[in-house]
Protein backbone atom coordinates (compact mmCIF):
# COMPACT_ATOMS: atom_id res chain seq x y z
CA UNK A 1 -57.29 29.57 5.31
CA UNK A 2 -57.10 26.41 7.39
CA UNK A 3 -57.15 23.00 5.79
CA UNK A 4 -58.58 19.83 7.21
CA UNK A 5 -56.55 16.66 7.71
CA UNK A 6 -57.14 14.43 4.70
CA UNK A 7 -58.12 10.83 5.37
CA UNK A 8 -55.62 8.20 4.35
CA UNK A 9 -57.77 6.87 1.51
CA UNK A 10 -57.96 10.33 -0.09
CA UNK A 11 -54.17 10.68 -0.03
CA UNK A 12 -53.78 7.20 -1.51
CA UNK A 13 -56.19 8.00 -4.32
CA UNK A 14 -54.73 11.41 -5.09
CA UNK A 15 -50.98 10.83 -4.77
CA UNK A 16 -50.11 7.14 -4.89
CA UNK A 17 -50.22 4.76 -7.82
CA UNK A 18 -52.30 1.62 -7.60
CA UNK A 19 -49.35 -0.66 -8.38
CA UNK A 20 -47.20 0.48 -5.44
CA UNK A 21 -46.20 -2.37 -3.13
CA UNK A 22 -47.71 -2.41 0.36
CA UNK A 23 -44.51 -1.59 2.34
CA UNK A 24 -43.68 1.29 -0.02
CA UNK A 25 -47.29 2.46 0.12
CA UNK A 26 -47.12 2.81 3.89
CA UNK A 27 -43.89 4.78 3.74
CA UNK A 28 -45.28 7.20 1.15
CA UNK A 29 -48.53 7.54 3.04
CA UNK A 30 -46.67 8.50 6.20
CA UNK A 31 -44.53 10.97 4.25
CA UNK A 32 -47.49 12.79 2.72
CA UNK A 33 -49.62 12.64 5.86
CA UNK A 34 -46.92 14.33 7.92
CA UNK A 35 -46.47 16.87 5.14
CA UNK A 36 -50.18 17.75 5.21
CA UNK A 37 -50.02 18.11 8.99
CA UNK A 38 -47.05 20.45 8.61
CA UNK A 39 -49.00 22.58 6.14
CA UNK A 40 -51.88 22.73 8.57
CA UNK A 41 -49.59 23.84 11.40
CA UNK A 42 -48.12 26.58 9.22
CA UNK A 43 -51.60 27.74 8.13
CA UNK A 44 -50.88 27.25 4.44
CA UNK A 45 -53.76 27.74 2.03
CA UNK A 46 -54.86 25.16 -0.51
CA UNK A 47 -52.60 26.44 -3.27
CA UNK A 48 -49.54 26.42 -1.03
CA UNK A 49 -50.35 22.96 0.29
CA UNK A 50 -50.87 21.54 -3.19
CA UNK A 51 -47.63 23.04 -4.51
CA UNK A 52 -45.58 21.86 -1.53
CA UNK A 53 -46.89 18.30 -1.83
CA UNK A 54 -46.06 18.29 -5.54
CA UNK A 55 -42.58 19.61 -4.82
CA UNK A 56 -41.81 16.89 -2.27
CA UNK A 57 -43.24 14.28 -4.62
CA UNK A 58 -40.98 15.46 -7.45
CA UNK A 59 -37.93 15.51 -5.18
CA UNK A 60 -38.72 11.97 -4.01
CA UNK A 61 -39.05 10.76 -7.61
CA UNK A 62 -35.78 12.48 -8.47
CA UNK A 63 -34.11 10.77 -5.51
CA UNK A 64 -35.34 7.27 -6.35
CA UNK A 65 -34.48 7.40 -10.06
CA UNK A 66 -31.03 6.01 -9.29
CA UNK A 67 -29.57 3.77 -6.57
CA UNK A 68 -26.47 5.98 -6.49
CA UNK A 69 -25.94 8.79 -4.02
CA UNK A 70 -27.42 12.06 -5.32
CA UNK A 71 -27.75 13.98 -2.05
CA UNK A 72 -26.39 17.26 -3.35
CA UNK A 73 -28.59 17.10 -6.45
CA UNK A 74 -31.71 16.55 -4.31
CA UNK A 75 -30.92 19.55 -2.11
CA UNK A 76 -30.21 21.68 -5.15
CA UNK A 77 -33.40 20.56 -6.87
CA UNK A 78 -35.52 21.31 -3.80
CA UNK A 79 -33.91 24.75 -3.43
CA UNK A 80 -34.60 25.54 -7.08
CA UNK A 81 -38.25 24.53 -6.74
CA UNK A 82 -38.64 26.71 -3.66
CA UNK A 83 -36.99 29.61 -5.46
CA UNK A 84 -39.39 29.27 -8.38
CA UNK A 85 -42.33 29.60 -5.99
CA UNK A 86 -41.02 32.38 -3.76
CA UNK A 87 -39.97 35.13 -6.21
CA UNK A 88 -42.39 36.99 -8.46
CA UNK A 89 -40.89 36.88 -11.92
CA UNK A 90 -43.53 35.83 -14.46
CA UNK A 91 -43.55 33.56 -16.33
CA UNK A 92 -40.51 31.93 -14.70
CA UNK A 93 -41.55 32.08 -11.04
CA UNK A 94 -44.33 33.17 -8.71
CA UNK A 95 -44.31 34.51 -5.17
CA UNK A 96 -46.46 31.81 -3.59
CA UNK A 97 -44.32 31.47 -0.43
CA UNK A 98 -42.75 34.20 1.65
CA UNK A 99 -39.12 34.14 2.75
CA UNK A 100 -40.13 33.02 6.25
CA UNK A 101 -42.22 30.21 4.83
CA UNK A 102 -39.36 29.11 2.57
CA UNK A 103 -37.08 28.93 5.61
CA UNK A 104 -39.63 26.83 7.49
CA UNK A 105 -40.17 24.51 4.52
CA UNK A 106 -36.45 24.02 3.97
CA UNK A 107 -35.90 23.32 7.66
CA UNK A 108 -38.75 20.78 7.66
CA UNK A 109 -37.43 19.11 4.50
CA UNK A 110 -33.93 18.72 5.95
CA UNK A 111 -35.08 17.48 9.35
CA UNK A 112 -37.49 14.91 7.91
CA UNK A 113 -36.75 13.74 4.38
CA UNK A 114 -33.01 14.37 4.18
CA UNK A 115 -32.32 12.86 7.59
CA UNK A 116 -33.94 9.65 6.34
CA UNK A 117 -32.45 10.00 2.87
CA UNK A 118 -30.64 6.64 2.87
CA UNK A 119 -33.72 4.85 4.21
CA UNK A 120 -35.81 6.14 1.29
CA UNK A 121 -32.98 5.20 -1.06
CA UNK A 122 -32.83 1.68 0.40
CA UNK A 123 -36.60 1.10 0.19
CA UNK A 124 -37.37 2.57 -3.23
CA UNK A 125 -34.28 1.69 -5.30
CA UNK A 126 -33.11 -1.76 -6.42
CA UNK A 127 -30.04 -3.31 -4.84
CA UNK A 128 -26.88 -3.16 -6.94
CA UNK A 129 -24.99 -6.46 -7.18
CA UNK A 130 -21.62 -7.14 -8.74
CA UNK A 131 -21.36 -10.38 -10.75
CA UNK A 132 -17.88 -11.65 -11.65
CA UNK A 133 -17.29 -14.29 -14.32
CA UNK A 134 -13.85 -15.74 -15.06
CA UNK A 135 -12.57 -17.16 -18.33
CA UNK A 136 -9.15 -18.82 -18.51
CA UNK A 137 -7.36 -17.99 -21.76
CA UNK A 138 -5.19 -20.78 -23.13
CA UNK A 139 -6.51 -23.46 -20.75
CA UNK A 140 -8.95 -26.03 -22.19
CA UNK A 141 -12.13 -26.91 -20.36
CA UNK A 142 -12.47 -30.18 -18.42
CA UNK A 143 -14.65 -31.69 -21.14
CA UNK A 144 -12.03 -30.86 -23.75
CA UNK A 145 -9.36 -32.55 -21.64
CA UNK A 146 -11.46 -35.70 -21.28
CA UNK A 147 -12.18 -35.85 -25.02
CA UNK A 148 -8.51 -35.29 -25.82
CA UNK A 149 -7.48 -38.03 -23.41
CA UNK A 150 -10.02 -40.44 -24.92
CA UNK A 151 -8.88 -39.72 -28.48
CA UNK A 152 -5.26 -40.11 -27.44
CA UNK A 153 -6.00 -43.43 -25.74
CA UNK A 154 -7.72 -44.75 -28.90
CA UNK A 155 -4.80 -43.67 -31.05
CA UNK A 156 -2.35 -45.22 -28.61
CA UNK A 157 -4.29 -48.50 -28.71
CA UNK A 158 -4.05 -48.61 -32.48
CA UNK A 159 -0.33 -47.92 -32.36
CA UNK A 160 0.19 -50.66 -29.79
CA UNK A 161 -1.71 -53.13 -32.00
CA UNK A 162 0.53 -52.34 -34.94
CA UNK A 163 3.63 -52.65 -32.82
CA UNK A 164 2.53 -56.07 -31.54
CA UNK A 165 2.86 -57.50 -35.03
CA UNK A 166 6.41 -56.18 -35.36
CA UNK A 167 7.87 -56.62 -31.88
CA UNK A 168 8.58 -59.58 -29.72
CA UNK A 169 6.60 -60.13 -26.53
CA UNK A 170 9.25 -58.83 -24.14
CA UNK A 171 10.07 -55.72 -26.18
CA UNK A 172 6.36 -54.94 -26.48
CA UNK A 173 5.77 -55.19 -22.72
CA UNK A 174 8.70 -52.92 -21.86
CA UNK A 175 7.61 -50.33 -24.43
CA UNK A 176 4.05 -50.34 -23.09
CA UNK A 177 5.31 -49.85 -19.52
CA UNK A 178 7.50 -46.93 -20.52
CA UNK A 179 4.63 -45.29 -22.44
CA UNK A 180 2.24 -45.65 -19.52
CA UNK A 181 4.77 -44.09 -17.13
CA UNK A 182 5.36 -41.17 -19.50
CA UNK A 183 1.62 -40.46 -19.91
CA UNK A 184 1.09 -40.64 -16.15
CA UNK A 185 3.89 -38.16 -15.51
CA UNK A 186 2.62 -35.74 -18.16
CA UNK A 187 -0.96 -35.87 -16.85
CA UNK A 188 0.18 -35.33 -13.28
CA UNK A 189 2.36 -32.42 -14.34
CA UNK A 190 -0.46 -30.82 -16.35
CA UNK A 191 -2.92 -31.28 -13.48
CA UNK A 192 -0.52 -29.72 -10.97
CA UNK A 193 0.14 -26.73 -13.25
CA UNK A 194 -3.59 -26.18 -13.76
CA UNK A 195 -4.23 -26.40 -10.02
CA UNK A 196 -1.47 -23.90 -9.27
CA UNK A 197 -2.80 -21.49 -11.90
CA UNK A 198 -6.34 -21.65 -10.53
CA UNK A 199 -5.04 -21.07 -7.00
CA UNK A 200 -3.16 -17.97 -8.14
CA UNK A 201 -6.18 -16.62 -10.05
CA UNK A 202 -8.55 -17.24 -7.13
CA UNK A 203 -6.18 -15.46 -4.76
CA UNK A 204 -5.93 -12.45 -7.07
CA UNK A 205 -9.71 -12.30 -7.50
CA UNK A 206 -10.26 -12.53 -3.74
CA UNK A 207 -7.79 -9.71 -3.10
CA UNK A 208 -9.43 -7.55 -5.77
CA UNK A 209 -12.94 -8.15 -4.37
CA UNK A 210 -11.74 -7.22 -0.88
CA UNK A 211 -10.16 -4.05 -2.25
CA UNK A 212 -13.36 -3.08 -4.10
CA UNK A 213 -15.43 -3.77 -0.97
CA UNK A 214 -13.17 -1.54 1.11
CA UNK A 215 -13.43 1.24 -1.49
CA UNK A 216 -17.22 0.94 -1.57
CA UNK A 217 -17.47 1.14 2.21
CA UNK A 218 -15.20 4.17 2.23
CA UNK A 219 -17.32 5.90 -0.42
CA UNK A 220 -20.49 5.22 1.55
CA UNK A 221 -18.87 6.66 4.66
CA UNK A 222 -17.70 9.73 2.72
CA UNK A 223 -21.20 10.21 1.32
CA UNK A 224 -22.71 10.02 4.80
CA UNK A 225 -20.18 12.55 6.06
CA UNK A 226 -20.96 14.90 3.17
CA UNK A 227 -24.68 14.62 3.87
CA UNK A 228 -24.19 15.41 7.55
CA UNK A 229 -21.95 18.37 6.70
CA UNK A 230 -24.48 19.71 4.19
CA UNK A 231 -27.30 19.41 6.73
CA UNK A 232 -25.20 21.12 9.39
CA UNK A 233 -24.37 24.02 7.05
CA UNK A 234 -28.00 24.52 6.07
CA UNK A 235 -29.12 24.41 9.70
CA UNK A 236 -26.43 26.94 10.59
CA UNK A 237 -27.59 29.28 7.82
CA UNK A 238 -31.18 28.95 8.96
CA UNK A 239 -30.24 29.80 12.55
CA UNK A 240 -28.21 32.80 11.38
CA UNK A 241 -31.17 34.11 9.35
CA UNK A 242 -33.44 33.79 12.39
């Protein structure tokens, strides 16, 4: 039995949710429209067309549940669904598709959906971002340093006032000069140590981020290679069966 090409509005009403964003809606509409055209070319009946559309829809939902790479799981899931609808074994499976039709469906799925696997993953899954926050143990915050310096200056002023009543003018001036020089040296030394520590920490964090970025790029490349190898193996098996 031949089927007619469904209008776009019928596919939208039957398969797509109303809250789907416009760019995603266009991608899904193109996916299902091409799938209906494929069913028409293969002379599938209504039951076969309905089941195949539901299968591809389930595989797409399974793919977009996670932003991580699940290529092998998608291929396995699609193969299991085809197996359940190509072997008569009630109530576990039904022989809705023949072996030749299963080969054609699998070839179409690999050459269309799986070849654009990462594009579907990019469009329908959220972007994963890595946020890094640093906390320095044993180093007070800038506000704490300012408050400490202010409290120390107030205490020093009180001490100087008490010493003025006990010391002569010349002894008091020399003591104040020595105290100021000591505080300046200690503040400069503390500031330099803090600056050196932050420089070391920033360098280590930068090196670690670069290392993680390189590992992520390598994993993405390995995943792409695995996908291409899996597609090549399936295509080779299909050609051997023919």
